[in-house]
């Protein structure tokens, strides 16, 4: 991989650029909290060749939302379920908007 290839990945939300320690520092939480999110299957960090967990910016946003809910008193298992449901709702809204756009487009008539 060239230097240009690796710096281009820094803009990729799914690129696992952050170590567990760095991710925990950025979120103001502990590595144990991140491990708990993994055990609850909310996020699944990629592993480096040495077996260390690596997190993407997308995963950090999910973890930050989980921390927000837990800080408000929501049990971690419930927080994870809420986030999964929020994600499913957002996806359903996106699909619904696509269907509405497609339905509102003019359709060609037979023979045209």
Protein backbone atom coordinates (compact mmCIF):
# COMPACT_ATOMS: atom_id res chain seq x y z
CA UNK A 1 0.00 0.00 0.00
CA UNK A 2 1.35 3.41 -0.92
CA UNK A 3 1.14 6.51 1.25
CA UNK A 4 -1.53 7.91 -1.08
CA UNK A 5 -3.65 4.77 -0.63
CA UNK A 6 -3.52 4.93 3.17
CA UNK A 7 -4.30 8.65 3.43
CA UNK A 8 -7.24 8.22 1.07
CA UNK A 9 -8.76 5.75 3.53
CA UNK A 10 -8.83 8.37 6.28
CA UNK A 11 -11.96 9.80 4.64
CA UNK A 12 -13.62 6.37 4.71
CA UNK A 13 -16.13 6.14 7.59
CA UNK A 14 -15.73 2.36 7.64
CA UNK A 15 -11.92 2.26 7.74
CA UNK A 16 -10.80 0.82 11.12
CA UNK A 17 -8.36 3.59 11.99
CA UNK A 18 -8.68 3.75 15.78
CA UNK A 19 -7.23 1.46 18.42
CA UNK A 20 -9.35 0.53 21.40
CA UNK A 21 -7.42 2.87 23.68
CA UNK A 22 -7.73 5.80 21.27
CA UNK A 23 -11.42 5.09 20.68
CA UNK A 24 -12.10 4.96 24.43
CA UNK A 25 -10.22 8.24 24.94
CA UNK A 26 -12.16 9.94 22.14
CA UNK A 27 -15.48 8.78 23.62
CA UNK A 28 -14.50 9.52 27.22
CA UNK A 29 -15.21 5.94 28.22
CA UNK A 30 -13.30 2.78 29.07
CA UNK A 31 -12.09 -0.08 26.88
CA UNK A 32 -14.45 -2.27 28.93
CA UNK A 33 -17.41 -0.27 27.65
CA UNK A 34 -16.30 -0.87 24.07
CA UNK A 35 -15.84 -4.57 24.80
CA UNK A 36 -19.37 -4.67 26.25
CA UNK A 37 -20.75 -3.14 23.03
CA UNK A 38 -18.96 -5.87 21.11
CA UNK A 39 -20.33 -8.58 23.40
CA UNK A 40 -23.82 -7.14 22.87
CA UNK A 41 -23.09 -7.30 19.12
CA UNK A 42 -23.82 -3.63 18.59
CA UNK A 43 -20.45 -3.09 16.97
CA UNK A 44 -17.91 -5.62 15.79
CA UNK A 45 -14.45 -4.11 15.57
CA UNK A 46 -12.04 -5.42 13.00
CA UNK A 47 -8.85 -7.00 14.27
CA UNK A 48 -5.32 -6.00 13.34
CA UNK A 49 -2.85 -8.68 12.30
CA UNK A 50 -1.78 -8.80 15.95
CA UNK A 51 -5.38 -9.36 17.09
CA UNK A 52 -6.00 -5.86 18.46
CA UNK A 53 -9.43 -4.30 18.07
CA UNK A 54 -9.68 -1.45 15.55
CA UNK A 55 -12.69 0.87 15.26
CA UNK A 56 -14.03 2.99 12.42
CA UNK A 57 -15.55 6.45 12.68
CA UNK A 58 -18.96 4.92 11.96
CA UNK A 59 -18.52 2.51 14.89
CA UNK A 60 -17.42 5.37 17.12
CA UNK A 61 -20.61 7.29 16.32
CA UNK A 62 -22.66 4.23 17.30
CA UNK A 63 -20.63 3.82 20.49
CA UNK A 64 -21.11 7.52 21.31
CA UNK A 65 -24.89 7.10 20.95
CA UNK A 66 -24.75 4.05 23.25
CA UNK A 67 -22.76 6.00 25.80
CA UNK A 68 -25.31 8.83 25.66
CA UNK A 69 -28.14 6.41 26.44
CA UNK A 70 -26.19 4.63 29.19
CA UNK A 71 -25.27 7.98 30.75
CA UNK A 72 -29.02 8.73 30.87
CA UNK A 73 -29.55 5.55 32.91
CA UNK A 74 -30.47 3.08 30.18
CA UNK A 75 -29.04 -0.42 30.73
CA UNK A 76 -26.43 -1.26 28.10
CA UNK A 77 -28.47 -4.13 26.61
CA UNK A 78 -31.49 -1.84 26.21
CA UNK A 79 -29.32 0.94 24.77
CA UNK A 80 -27.98 -1.46 22.15
CA UNK A 81 -31.51 -2.57 21.23
CA UNK A 82 -32.67 1.06 20.96
CA UNK A 83 -29.79 1.88 18.61
CA UNK A 84 -30.52 -1.16 16.44
CA UNK A 85 -34.18 -0.14 16.21
CA UNK A 86 -33.24 3.46 15.41
CA UNK A 87 -31.00 2.19 12.62
CA UNK A 88 -33.75 -0.05 11.23
CA UNK A 89 -36.22 2.85 11.31
CA UNK A 90 -33.80 5.11 9.44
CA UNK A 91 -33.27 2.44 6.78
CA UNK A 92 -37.03 1.93 6.40
CA UNK A 93 -37.50 5.69 5.98
CA UNK A 94 -34.76 5.79 3.34
CA UNK A 95 -36.36 2.94 1.40
CA UNK A 96 -39.80 4.55 1.70
CA UNK A 97 -38.43 7.82 0.31
CA UNK A 98 -36.90 5.94 -2.63
CA UNK A 99 -40.24 4.26 -3.39
CA UNK A 100 -42.04 7.61 -3.22
CA UNK A 101 -39.55 9.19 -5.62
CA UNK A 102 -39.89 6.28 -8.03
CA UNK A 103 -43.70 6.41 -7.83
CA UNK A 104 -43.76 10.15 -8.55
CA UNK A 105 -41.58 9.89 -11.67
CA UNK A 106 -43.51 10.04 -14.93
CA UNK A 107 -43.84 6.64 -16.58
CA UNK A 108 -43.51 6.16 -20.32
CA UNK A 109 -46.72 5.20 -22.08
CA UNK A 110 -47.05 2.10 -24.19
CA UNK A 111 -45.71 2.71 -27.67
CA UNK A 112 -43.48 5.65 -26.72
